[in-house]
Amino acid sequence: FCRGCLACQKLGKCVIQDDVDAIMQKV
């Protein structure tokens, strides 16, 4: 689940280490 921390808006990726970032890169 999303934590709502909004760190992704600065980092360009989510801080949670799971499968989402790999999927997002393909999207």
mmCIF file of all heavy atoms, coordinates in Angstrom:
data_MODEL
# 
_entry.id   MODEL 
# 
loop_
_atom_site.group_PDB 
_atom_site.id 
_atom_site.type_symbol 
_atom_site.label_atom_id 
_atom_site.label_alt_id 
_atom_site.label_comp_id 
_atom_site.label_asym_id 
_atom_site.label_entity_id 
_atom_site.label_seq_id 
_atom_site.pdbx_PDB_ins_code 
_atom_site.Cartn_x 
_atom_site.Cartn_y 
_atom_site.Cartn_z 
_atom_site.occupancy 
_atom_site.B_iso_or_equiv 
_atom_site.pdbx_formal_charge 
_atom_site.auth_seq_id 
_atom_site.auth_comp_id 
_atom_site.auth_asym_id 
_atom_site.auth_atom_id 
_atom_site.pdbx_PDB_model_num 
ATOM 1   N N   . PHE A 1 1  ? 0.815  -1.208 0.000   1.00 0.00 ? 1  PHE A N   1 
ATOM 2   C CA  . PHE A 1 1  ? 0.000  0.000  0.000   1.00 0.00 ? 1  PHE A CA  1 
ATOM 3   C C   . PHE A 1 1  ? 0.856  1.270  0.000   1.00 0.00 ? 1  PHE A C   1 
ATOM 4   O O   . PHE A 1 1  ? 1.939  1.309  0.599   1.00 0.00 ? 1  PHE A O   1 
ATOM 5   C CB  . PHE A 1 1  ? -0.913 0.037  1.232   1.00 0.00 ? 1  PHE A CB  1 
ATOM 6   C CG  . PHE A 1 1  ? -2.006 -0.991 1.201   1.00 0.00 ? 1  PHE A CG  1 
ATOM 7   C CD1 . PHE A 1 1  ? -2.011 -2.033 2.106   1.00 0.00 ? 1  PHE A CD1 1 
ATOM 8   C CD2 . PHE A 1 1  ? -3.032 -0.922 0.275   1.00 0.00 ? 1  PHE A CD2 1 
ATOM 9   C CE1 . PHE A 1 1  ? -3.016 -2.978 2.093   1.00 0.00 ? 1  PHE A CE1 1 
ATOM 10  C CE2 . PHE A 1 1  ? -4.032 -1.855 0.245   1.00 0.00 ? 1  PHE A CE2 1 
ATOM 11  C CZ  . PHE A 1 1  ? -4.040 -2.899 1.150   1.00 0.00 ? 1  PHE A CZ  1 
ATOM 12  N N   . CYS A 1 2  ? 0.349  2.309  -0.648  1.00 0.00 ? 2  CYS A N   1 
ATOM 13  C CA  . CYS A 1 2  ? 0.978  3.622  -0.620  1.00 0.00 ? 2  CYS A CA  1 
ATOM 14  C C   . CYS A 1 2  ? 0.886  4.192  0.800   1.00 0.00 ? 2  CYS A C   1 
ATOM 15  O O   . CYS A 1 2  ? -0.149 4.106  1.446   1.00 0.00 ? 2  CYS A O   1 
ATOM 16  C CB  . CYS A 1 2  ? 0.284  4.551  -1.610  1.00 0.00 ? 2  CYS A CB  1 
ATOM 17  S SG  . CYS A 1 2  ? 0.895  6.252  -1.583  1.00 0.00 ? 2  CYS A SG  1 
ATOM 18  N N   . ARG A 1 3  ? 1.978  4.803  1.262   1.00 0.00 ? 3  ARG A N   1 
ATOM 19  C CA  . ARG A 1 3  ? 2.007  5.397  2.603   1.00 0.00 ? 3  ARG A CA  1 
ATOM 20  C C   . ARG A 1 3  ? 1.643  6.880  2.592   1.00 0.00 ? 3  ARG A C   1 
ATOM 21  O O   . ARG A 1 3  ? 1.511  7.504  3.641   1.00 0.00 ? 3  ARG A O   1 
ATOM 22  C CB  . ARG A 1 3  ? 3.410  5.238  3.211   1.00 0.00 ? 3  ARG A CB  1 
ATOM 23  C CG  . ARG A 1 3  ? 3.866  3.792  3.363   1.00 0.00 ? 3  ARG A CG  1 
ATOM 24  C CD  . ARG A 1 3  ? 5.341  3.753  3.778   1.00 0.00 ? 3  ARG A CD  1 
ATOM 25  N NE  . ARG A 1 3  ? 5.837  2.386  3.814   1.00 0.00 ? 3  ARG A NE  1 
ATOM 26  C CZ  . ARG A 1 3  ? 7.127  2.071  3.936   1.00 0.00 ? 3  ARG A CZ  1 
ATOM 27  N NH1 . ARG A 1 3  ? 8.033  3.047  4.035   1.00 0.00 ? 3  ARG A NH1 1 
ATOM 28  N NH2 . ARG A 1 3  ? 7.512  0.808  3.967   1.00 0.00 ? 3  ARG A NH2 1 
ATOM 29  N N   . GLY A 1 4  ? 1.564  7.459  1.409   1.00 0.00 ? 4  GLY A N   1 
ATOM 30  C CA  . GLY A 1 4  ? 1.235  8.879  1.322   1.00 0.00 ? 4  GLY A CA  1 
ATOM 31  C C   . GLY A 1 4  ? 2.354  9.798  1.756   1.00 0.00 ? 4  GLY A C   1 
ATOM 32  O O   . GLY A 1 4  ? 2.130  10.963 2.089   1.00 0.00 ? 4  GLY A O   1 
ATOM 33  N N   . CYS A 1 5  ? 3.597  9.334  1.754   1.00 0.00 ? 5  CYS A N   1 
ATOM 34  C CA  . CYS A 1 5  ? 4.728  10.150 2.221   1.00 0.00 ? 5  CYS A CA  1 
ATOM 35  C C   . CYS A 1 5  ? 5.169  11.183 1.183   1.00 0.00 ? 5  CYS A C   1 
ATOM 36  O O   . CYS A 1 5  ? 5.843  12.154 1.515   1.00 0.00 ? 5  CYS A O   1 
ATOM 37  C CB  . CYS A 1 5  ? 5.892  9.259  2.618   1.00 0.00 ? 5  CYS A CB  1 
ATOM 38  S SG  . CYS A 1 5  ? 6.667  8.386  1.227   1.00 0.00 ? 5  CYS A SG  1 
ATOM 39  N N   . LEU A 1 6  ? 4.829  10.945 -0.095  1.00 0.00 ? 6  LEU A N   1 
ATOM 40  C CA  . LEU A 1 6  ? 5.148  11.828 -1.213  1.00 0.00 ? 6  LEU A CA  1 
ATOM 41  C C   . LEU A 1 6  ? 6.653  11.965 -1.486  1.00 0.00 ? 6  LEU A C   1 
ATOM 42  O O   . LEU A 1 6  ? 7.080  12.870 -2.196  1.00 0.00 ? 6  LEU A O   1 
ATOM 43  C CB  . LEU A 1 6  ? 4.525  13.213 -1.018  1.00 0.00 ? 6  LEU A CB  1 
ATOM 44  C CG  . LEU A 1 6  ? 2.994  13.254 -0.951  1.00 0.00 ? 6  LEU A CG  1 
ATOM 45  C CD1 . LEU A 1 6  ? 2.510  14.684 -0.772  1.00 0.00 ? 6  LEU A CD1 1 
ATOM 46  C CD2 . LEU A 1 6  ? 2.375  12.628 -2.199  1.00 0.00 ? 6  LEU A CD2 1 
ATOM 47  N N   . ALA A 1 7  ? 7.444  11.070 -0.935  1.00 0.00 ? 7  ALA A N   1 
ATOM 48  C CA  . ALA A 1 7  ? 8.880  11.084 -1.242  1.00 0.00 ? 7  ALA A CA  1 
ATOM 49  C C   . ALA A 1 7  ? 9.126  10.848 -2.721  1.00 0.00 ? 7  ALA A C   1 
ATOM 50  O O   . ALA A 1 7  ? 10.112 11.334 -3.290  1.00 0.00 ? 7  ALA A O   1 
ATOM 51  C CB  . ALA A 1 7  ? 9.596  10.029 -0.412  1.00 0.00 ? 7  ALA A CB  1 
ATOM 52  N N   . CYS A 1 8  ? 8.227  10.126 -3.358  1.00 0.00 ? 8  CYS A N   1 
ATOM 53  C CA  . CYS A 1 8  ? 8.368  9.816  -4.787  1.00 0.00 ? 8  CYS A CA  1 
ATOM 54  C C   . CYS A 1 8  ? 8.382  11.073 -5.647  1.00 0.00 ? 8  CYS A C   1 
ATOM 55  O O   . CYS A 1 8  ? 8.964  11.081 -6.737  1.00 0.00 ? 8  CYS A O   1 
ATOM 56  C CB  . CYS A 1 8  ? 7.251  8.885  -5.236  1.00 0.00 ? 8  CYS A CB  1 
ATOM 57  S SG  . CYS A 1 8  ? 5.584  9.563  -5.040  1.00 0.00 ? 8  CYS A SG  1 
ATOM 58  N N   . GLN A 1 9  ? 7.753  12.145 -5.177  1.00 0.00 ? 9  GLN A N   1 
ATOM 59  C CA  . GLN A 1 9  ? 7.708  13.377 -5.950  1.00 0.00 ? 9  GLN A CA  1 
ATOM 60  C C   . GLN A 1 9  ? 9.086  14.042 -6.036  1.00 0.00 ? 9  GLN A C   1 
ATOM 61  O O   . GLN A 1 9  ? 9.355  14.802 -6.960  1.00 0.00 ? 9  GLN A O   1 
ATOM 62  C CB  . GLN A 1 9  ? 6.703  14.346 -5.323  1.00 0.00 ? 9  GLN A CB  1 
ATOM 63  C CG  . GLN A 1 9  ? 5.276  13.812 -5.258  1.00 0.00 ? 9  GLN A CG  1 
ATOM 64  C CD  . GLN A 1 9  ? 4.686  13.575 -6.635  1.00 0.00 ? 9  GLN A CD  1 
ATOM 65  O OE1 . GLN A 1 9  ? 4.353  14.518 -7.347  1.00 0.00 ? 9  GLN A OE1 1 
ATOM 66  N NE2 . GLN A 1 9  ? 4.553  12.315 -7.021  1.00 0.00 ? 9  GLN A NE2 1 
ATOM 67  N N   . LYS A 1 10 ? 9.951  13.746 -5.068  1.00 0.00 ? 10 LYS A N   1 
ATOM 68  C CA  . LYS A 1 10 ? 11.307 14.278 -5.088  1.00 0.00 ? 10 LYS A CA  1 
ATOM 69  C C   . LYS A 1 10 ? 12.305 13.284 -5.681  1.00 0.00 ? 10 LYS A C   1 
ATOM 70  O O   . LYS A 1 10 ? 13.242 13.665 -6.367  1.00 0.00 ? 10 LYS A O   1 
ATOM 71  C CB  . LYS A 1 10 ? 11.741 14.642 -3.666  1.00 0.00 ? 10 LYS A CB  1 
ATOM 72  C CG  . LYS A 1 10 ? 10.926 15.760 -3.034  1.00 0.00 ? 10 LYS A CG  1 
ATOM 73  C CD  . LYS A 1 10 ? 11.409 16.048 -1.621  1.00 0.00 ? 10 LYS A CD  1 
ATOM 74  C CE  . LYS A 1 10 ? 10.601 17.166 -0.969  1.00 0.00 ? 10 LYS A CE  1 
ATOM 75  N NZ  . LYS A 1 10 ? 11.049 17.435 0.426   1.00 0.00 ? 10 LYS A NZ  1 
ATOM 76  N N   . LEU A 1 11 ? 12.073 11.999 -5.416  1.00 0.00 ? 11 LEU A N   1 
ATOM 77  C CA  . LEU A 1 11 ? 13.036 10.974 -5.812  1.00 0.00 ? 11 LEU A CA  1 
ATOM 78  C C   . LEU A 1 11 ? 12.780 10.399 -7.209  1.00 0.00 ? 11 LEU A C   1 
ATOM 79  O O   . LEU A 1 11 ? 13.672 9.816  -7.816  1.00 0.00 ? 11 LEU A O   1 
ATOM 80  C CB  . LEU A 1 11 ? 13.026 9.826  -4.794  1.00 0.00 ? 11 LEU A CB  1 
ATOM 81  C CG  . LEU A 1 11 ? 13.367 10.205 -3.348  1.00 0.00 ? 11 LEU A CG  1 
ATOM 82  C CD1 . LEU A 1 11 ? 13.177 8.995  -2.433  1.00 0.00 ? 11 LEU A CD1 1 
ATOM 83  C CD2 . LEU A 1 11 ? 14.790 10.729 -3.256  1.00 0.00 ? 11 LEU A CD2 1 
ATOM 84  N N   . GLY A 1 12 ? 11.537 10.532 -7.694  1.00 0.00 ? 12 GLY A N   1 
ATOM 85  C CA  . GLY A 1 12 ? 11.185 9.940  -8.983  1.00 0.00 ? 12 GLY A CA  1 
ATOM 86  C C   . GLY A 1 12 ? 10.937 8.452  -8.904  1.00 0.00 ? 12 GLY A C   1 
ATOM 87  O O   . GLY A 1 12 ? 10.788 7.776  -9.917  1.00 0.00 ? 12 GLY A O   1 
ATOM 88  N N   . LYS A 1 13 ? 10.876 7.927  -7.695  1.00 0.00 ? 13 LYS A N   1 
ATOM 89  C CA  . LYS A 1 13 ? 10.556 6.523  -7.473  1.00 0.00 ? 13 LYS A CA  1 
ATOM 90  C C   . LYS A 1 13 ? 10.059 6.366  -6.042  1.00 0.00 ? 13 LYS A C   1 
ATOM 91  O O   . LYS A 1 13 ? 10.249 7.245  -5.197  1.00 0.00 ? 13 LYS A O   1 
ATOM 92  C CB  . LYS A 1 13 ? 11.772 5.622  -7.704  1.00 0.00 ? 13 LYS A CB  1 
ATOM 93  C CG  . LYS A 1 13 ? 12.924 5.870  -6.756  1.00 0.00 ? 13 LYS A CG  1 
ATOM 94  C CD  . LYS A 1 13 ? 14.066 4.897  -7.032  1.00 0.00 ? 13 LYS A CD  1 
ATOM 95  C CE  . LYS A 1 13 ? 15.200 5.111  -6.047  1.00 0.00 ? 13 LYS A CE  1 
ATOM 96  N NZ  . LYS A 1 13 ? 16.311 4.140  -6.276  1.00 0.00 ? 13 LYS A NZ  1 
ATOM 97  N N   . CYS A 1 14 ? 9.429  5.232  -5.780  1.00 0.00 ? 14 CYS A N   1 
ATOM 98  C CA  . CYS A 1 14 ? 8.890  4.978  -4.447  1.00 0.00 ? 14 CYS A CA  1 
ATOM 99  C C   . CYS A 1 14 ? 9.987  4.454  -3.521  1.00 0.00 ? 14 CYS A C   1 
ATOM 100 O O   . CYS A 1 14 ? 10.892 3.731  -3.951  1.00 0.00 ? 14 CYS A O   1 
ATOM 101 C CB  . CYS A 1 14 ? 7.746  3.970  -4.532  1.00 0.00 ? 14 CYS A CB  1 
ATOM 102 S SG  . CYS A 1 14 ? 6.887  3.705  -2.962  1.00 0.00 ? 14 CYS A SG  1 
ATOM 103 N N   . VAL A 1 15 ? 9.890  4.828  -2.249  1.00 0.00 ? 15 VAL A N   1 
ATOM 104 C CA  . VAL A 1 15 ? 10.891 4.373  -1.277  1.00 0.00 ? 15 VAL A CA  1 
ATOM 105 C C   . VAL A 1 15 ? 10.628 2.946  -0.810  1.00 0.00 ? 15 VAL A C   1 
ATOM 106 O O   . VAL A 1 15 ? 11.504 2.312  -0.221  1.00 0.00 ? 15 VAL A O   1 
ATOM 107 C CB  . VAL A 1 15 ? 10.928 5.314  -0.047  1.00 0.00 ? 15 VAL A CB  1 
ATOM 108 C CG1 . VAL A 1 15 ? 11.371 6.706  -0.459  1.00 0.00 ? 15 VAL A CG1 1 
ATOM 109 C CG2 . VAL A 1 15 ? 9.567  5.369  0.648   1.00 0.00 ? 15 VAL A CG2 1 
ATOM 110 N N   . ILE A 1 16 ? 9.436  2.423  -1.073  1.00 0.00 ? 16 ILE A N   1 
ATOM 111 C CA  . ILE A 1 16 ? 9.110  1.053  -0.662  1.00 0.00 ? 16 ILE A CA  1 
ATOM 112 C C   . ILE A 1 16 ? 9.802  0.081  -1.612  1.00 0.00 ? 16 ILE A C   1 
ATOM 113 O O   . ILE A 1 16 ? 9.683  0.185  -2.835  1.00 0.00 ? 16 ILE A O   1 
ATOM 114 C CB  . ILE A 1 16 ? 7.584  0.822  -0.667  1.00 0.00 ? 16 ILE A CB  1 
ATOM 115 C CG1 . ILE A 1 16 ? 6.895  1.803  0.285   1.00 0.00 ? 16 ILE A CG1 1 
ATOM 116 C CG2 . ILE A 1 16 ? 7.253  -0.611 -0.277  1.00 0.00 ? 16 ILE A CG2 1 
ATOM 117 C CD1 . ILE A 1 16 ? 5.369  1.752  0.214   1.00 0.00 ? 16 ILE A CD1 1 
ATOM 118 N N   . GLN A 1 17 ? 10.508 -0.869 -1.054  1.00 0.00 ? 17 GLN A N   1 
ATOM 119 C CA  . GLN A 1 17 ? 11.269 -1.831 -1.853  1.00 0.00 ? 17 GLN A CA  1 
ATOM 120 C C   . GLN A 1 17 ? 10.405 -3.055 -2.169  1.00 0.00 ? 17 GLN A C   1 
ATOM 121 O O   . GLN A 1 17 ? 10.354 -4.013 -1.402  1.00 0.00 ? 17 GLN A O   1 
ATOM 122 C CB  . GLN A 1 17 ? 12.535 -2.251 -1.109  1.00 0.00 ? 17 GLN A CB  1 
ATOM 123 C CG  . GLN A 1 17 ? 13.475 -1.100 -0.785  1.00 0.00 ? 17 GLN A CG  1 
ATOM 124 C CD  . GLN A 1 17 ? 14.019 -0.424 -2.032  1.00 0.00 ? 17 GLN A CD  1 
ATOM 125 O OE1 . GLN A 1 17 ? 14.507 -1.089 -2.944  1.00 0.00 ? 17 GLN A OE1 1 
ATOM 126 N NE2 . GLN A 1 17 ? 13.926 0.897  -2.078  1.00 0.00 ? 17 GLN A NE2 1 
ATOM 127 N N   . ASP A 1 18 ? 9.702  -3.000 -3.288  1.00 0.00 ? 18 ASP A N   1 
ATOM 128 C CA  . ASP A 1 18 ? 8.920  -4.150 -3.749  1.00 0.00 ? 18 ASP A CA  1 
ATOM 129 C C   . ASP A 1 18 ? 8.955  -4.166 -5.271  1.00 0.00 ? 18 ASP A C   1 
ATOM 130 O O   . ASP A 1 18 ? 9.907  -3.654 -5.865  1.00 0.00 ? 18 ASP A O   1 
ATOM 131 C CB  . ASP A 1 18 ? 7.496  -4.117 -3.177  1.00 0.00 ? 18 ASP A CB  1 
ATOM 132 C CG  . ASP A 1 18 ? 6.728  -2.846 -3.550  1.00 0.00 ? 18 ASP A CG  1 
ATOM 133 O OD1 . ASP A 1 18 ? 7.247  -2.053 -4.365  1.00 0.00 ? 18 ASP A OD1 1 
ATOM 134 O OD2 . ASP A 1 18 ? 5.621  -2.641 -3.028  1.00 0.00 ? 18 ASP A OD2 1 
ATOM 135 N N   . ASP A 1 19 ? 7.932  -4.738 -5.909  1.00 0.00 ? 19 ASP A N   1 
ATOM 136 C CA  . ASP A 1 19 ? 7.973  -4.897 -7.366  1.00 0.00 ? 19 ASP A CA  1 
ATOM 137 C C   . ASP A 1 19 ? 7.448  -3.693 -8.145  1.00 0.00 ? 19 ASP A C   1 
ATOM 138 O O   . ASP A 1 19 ? 7.476  -3.701 -9.377  1.00 0.00 ? 19 ASP A O   1 
ATOM 139 C CB  . ASP A 1 19 ? 7.149  -6.134 -7.767  1.00 0.00 ? 19 ASP A CB  1 
ATOM 140 C CG  . ASP A 1 19 ? 7.796  -7.431 -7.301  1.00 0.00 ? 19 ASP A CG  1 
ATOM 141 O OD1 . ASP A 1 19 ? 9.042  -7.509 -7.320  1.00 0.00 ? 19 ASP A OD1 1 
ATOM 142 O OD2 . ASP A 1 19 ? 7.060  -8.362 -6.907  1.00 0.00 ? 19 ASP A OD2 1 
ATOM 143 N N   . VAL A 1 20 ? 6.982  -2.679 -7.452  1.00 0.00 ? 20 VAL A N   1 
ATOM 144 C CA  . VAL A 1 20 ? 6.296  -1.580 -8.141  1.00 0.00 ? 20 VAL A CA  1 
ATOM 145 C C   . VAL A 1 20 ? 7.224  -0.758 -9.030  1.00 0.00 ? 20 VAL A C   1 
ATOM 146 O O   . VAL A 1 20 ? 6.858  -0.401 -10.152 1.00 0.00 ? 20 VAL A O   1 
ATOM 147 C CB  . VAL A 1 20 ? 5.568  -0.668 -7.133  1.00 0.00 ? 20 VAL A CB  1 
ATOM 148 C CG1 . VAL A 1 20 ? 5.066  0.608  -7.810  1.00 0.00 ? 20 VAL A CG1 1 
ATOM 149 C CG2 . VAL A 1 20 ? 4.399  -1.410 -6.506  1.00 0.00 ? 20 VAL A CG2 1 
ATOM 150 N N   . ASP A 1 21 ? 8.421  -0.442 -8.561  1.00 0.00 ? 21 ASP A N   1 
ATOM 151 C CA  . ASP A 1 21 ? 9.300  0.426  -9.348  1.00 0.00 ? 21 ASP A CA  1 
ATOM 152 C C   . ASP A 1 21 ? 9.649  -0.192 -10.698 1.00 0.00 ? 21 ASP A C   1 
ATOM 153 O O   . ASP A 1 21 ? 9.688  0.504  -11.721 1.00 0.00 ? 21 ASP A O   1 
ATOM 154 C CB  . ASP A 1 21 ? 10.580 0.756  -8.581  1.00 0.00 ? 21 ASP A CB  1 
ATOM 155 C CG  . ASP A 1 21 ? 11.402 1.819  -9.291  1.00 0.00 ? 21 ASP A CG  1 
ATOM 156 O OD1 . ASP A 1 21 ? 10.892 2.935  -9.476  1.00 0.00 ? 21 ASP A OD1 1 
ATOM 157 O OD2 . ASP A 1 21 ? 12.548 1.526  -9.694  1.00 0.00 ? 21 ASP A OD2 1 
ATOM 158 N N   . ALA A 1 22 ? 9.872  -1.503 -10.721 1.00 0.00 ? 22 ALA A N   1 
ATOM 159 C CA  . ALA A 1 22 ? 10.184 -2.181 -11.994 1.00 0.00 ? 22 ALA A CA  1 
ATOM 160 C C   . ALA A 1 22 ? 9.001  -2.098 -12.957 1.00 0.00 ? 22 ALA A C   1 
ATOM 161 O O   . ALA A 1 22 ? 9.178  -1.896 -14.162 1.00 0.00 ? 22 ALA A O   1 
ATOM 162 C CB  . ALA A 1 22 ? 10.553 -3.639 -11.733 1.00 0.00 ? 22 ALA A CB  1 
ATOM 163 N N   . ILE A 1 23 ? 7.788  -2.246 -12.416 1.00 0.00 ? 23 ILE A N   1 
ATOM 164 C CA  . ILE A 1 23 ? 6.588  -2.127 -13.250 1.00 0.00 ? 23 ILE A CA  1 
ATOM 165 C C   . ILE A 1 23 ? 6.446  -0.699 -13.752 1.00 0.00 ? 23 ILE A C   1 
ATOM 166 O O   . ILE A 1 23 ? 6.161  -0.452 -14.934 1.00 0.00 ? 23 ILE A O   1 
ATOM 167 C CB  . ILE A 1 23 ? 5.332  -2.549 -12.458 1.00 0.00 ? 23 ILE A CB  1 
ATOM 168 C CG1 . ILE A 1 23 ? 5.406  -4.027 -12.079 1.00 0.00 ? 23 ILE A CG1 1 
ATOM 169 C CG2 . ILE A 1 23 ? 4.062  -2.254 -13.262 1.00 0.00 ? 23 ILE A CG2 1 
ATOM 170 C CD1 . ILE A 1 23 ? 4.301  -4.485 -11.143 1.00 0.00 ? 23 ILE A CD1 1 
ATOM 171 N N   . MET A 1 24 ? 6.666  0.271  -12.869 1.00 0.00 ? 24 MET A N   1 
ATOM 172 C CA  . MET A 1 24 ? 6.507  1.672  -13.231 1.00 0.00 ? 24 MET A CA  1 
ATOM 173 C C   . MET A 1 24 ? 7.469  2.089  -14.337 1.00 0.00 ? 24 MET A C   1 
ATOM 174 O O   . MET A 1 24 ? 7.121  2.876  -15.226 1.00 0.00 ? 24 MET A O   1 
ATOM 175 C CB  . MET A 1 24 ? 6.706  2.553  -12.006 1.00 0.00 ? 24 MET A CB  1 
ATOM 176 C CG  . MET A 1 24 ? 6.293  4.009  -12.243 1.00 0.00 ? 24 MET A CG  1 
ATOM 177 S SD  . MET A 1 24 ? 6.791  5.112  -10.911 1.00 0.00 ? 24 MET A SD  1 
ATOM 178 C CE  . MET A 1 24 ? 8.561  5.229  -11.229 1.00 0.00 ? 24 MET A CE  1 
ATOM 179 N N   . GLN A 1 25 ? 8.685  1.574  -14.299 1.00 0.00 ? 25 GLN A N   1 
ATOM 180 C CA  . GLN A 1 25 ? 9.660  1.911  -15.341 1.00 0.00 ? 25 GLN A CA  1 
ATOM 181 C C   . GLN A 1 25 ? 9.190  1.451  -16.716 1.00 0.00 ? 25 GLN A C   1 
ATOM 182 O O   . GLN A 1 25 ? 9.406  2.139  -17.726 1.00 0.00 ? 25 GLN A O   1 
ATOM 183 C CB  . GLN A 1 25 ? 11.020 1.298  -15.004 1.00 0.00 ? 25 GLN A CB  1 
ATOM 184 C CG  . GLN A 1 25 ? 11.711 1.935  -13.813 1.00 0.00 ? 25 GLN A CG  1 
ATOM 185 C CD  . GLN A 1 25 ? 11.930 3.426  -13.983 1.00 0.00 ? 25 GLN A CD  1 
ATOM 186 O OE1 . GLN A 1 25 ? 12.340 3.884  -15.054 1.00 0.00 ? 25 GLN A OE1 1 
ATOM 187 N NE2 . GLN A 1 25 ? 11.679 4.195  -12.934 1.00 0.00 ? 25 GLN A NE2 1 
ATOM 188 N N   . LYS A 1 26 ? 8.538  0.312  -16.764 1.00 0.00 ? 26 LYS A N   1 
ATOM 189 C CA  . LYS A 1 26 ? 8.009  -0.189 -18.039 1.00 0.00 ? 26 LYS A CA  1 
ATOM 190 C C   . LYS A 1 26 ? 6.822  0.650  -18.506 1.00 0.00 ? 26 LYS A C   1 
ATOM 191 O O   . LYS A 1 26 ? 6.680  0.937  -19.699 1.00 0.00 ? 26 LYS A O   1 
ATOM 192 C CB  . LYS A 1 26 ? 7.624  -1.657 -17.903 1.00 0.00 ? 26 LYS A CB  1 
ATOM 193 C CG  . LYS A 1 26 ? 8.833  -2.562 -17.688 1.00 0.00 ? 26 LYS A CG  1 
ATOM 194 C CD  . LYS A 1 26 ? 8.448  -4.018 -17.535 1.00 0.00 ? 26 LYS A CD  1 
ATOM 195 C CE  . LYS A 1 26 ? 9.690  -4.881 -17.353 1.00 0.00 ? 26 LYS A CE  1 
ATOM 196 N NZ  . LYS A 1 26 ? 9.386  -6.311 -17.230 1.00 0.00 ? 26 LYS A NZ  1 
ATOM 197 N N   . VAL A 1 27 ? 5.976  1.041  -17.570 1.00 0.00 ? 27 VAL A N   1 
ATOM 198 C CA  . VAL A 1 27 ? 4.845  1.919  -17.900 1.00 0.00 ? 27 VAL A CA  1 
ATOM 199 C C   . VAL A 1 27 ? 5.350  3.272  -18.401 1.00 0.00 ? 27 VAL A C   1 
ATOM 200 O O   . VAL A 1 27 ? 4.840  3.831  -19.378 1.00 0.00 ? 27 VAL A O   1 
ATOM 201 C CB  . VAL A 1 27 ? 3.929  2.104  -16.670 1.00 0.00 ? 27 VAL A CB  1 
ATOM 202 C CG1 . VAL A 1 27 ? 2.882  3.197  -16.924 1.00 0.00 ? 27 VAL A CG1 1 
ATOM 203 C CG2 . VAL A 1 27 ? 3.249  0.789  -16.313 1.00 0.00 ? 27 VAL A CG2 1 
# 
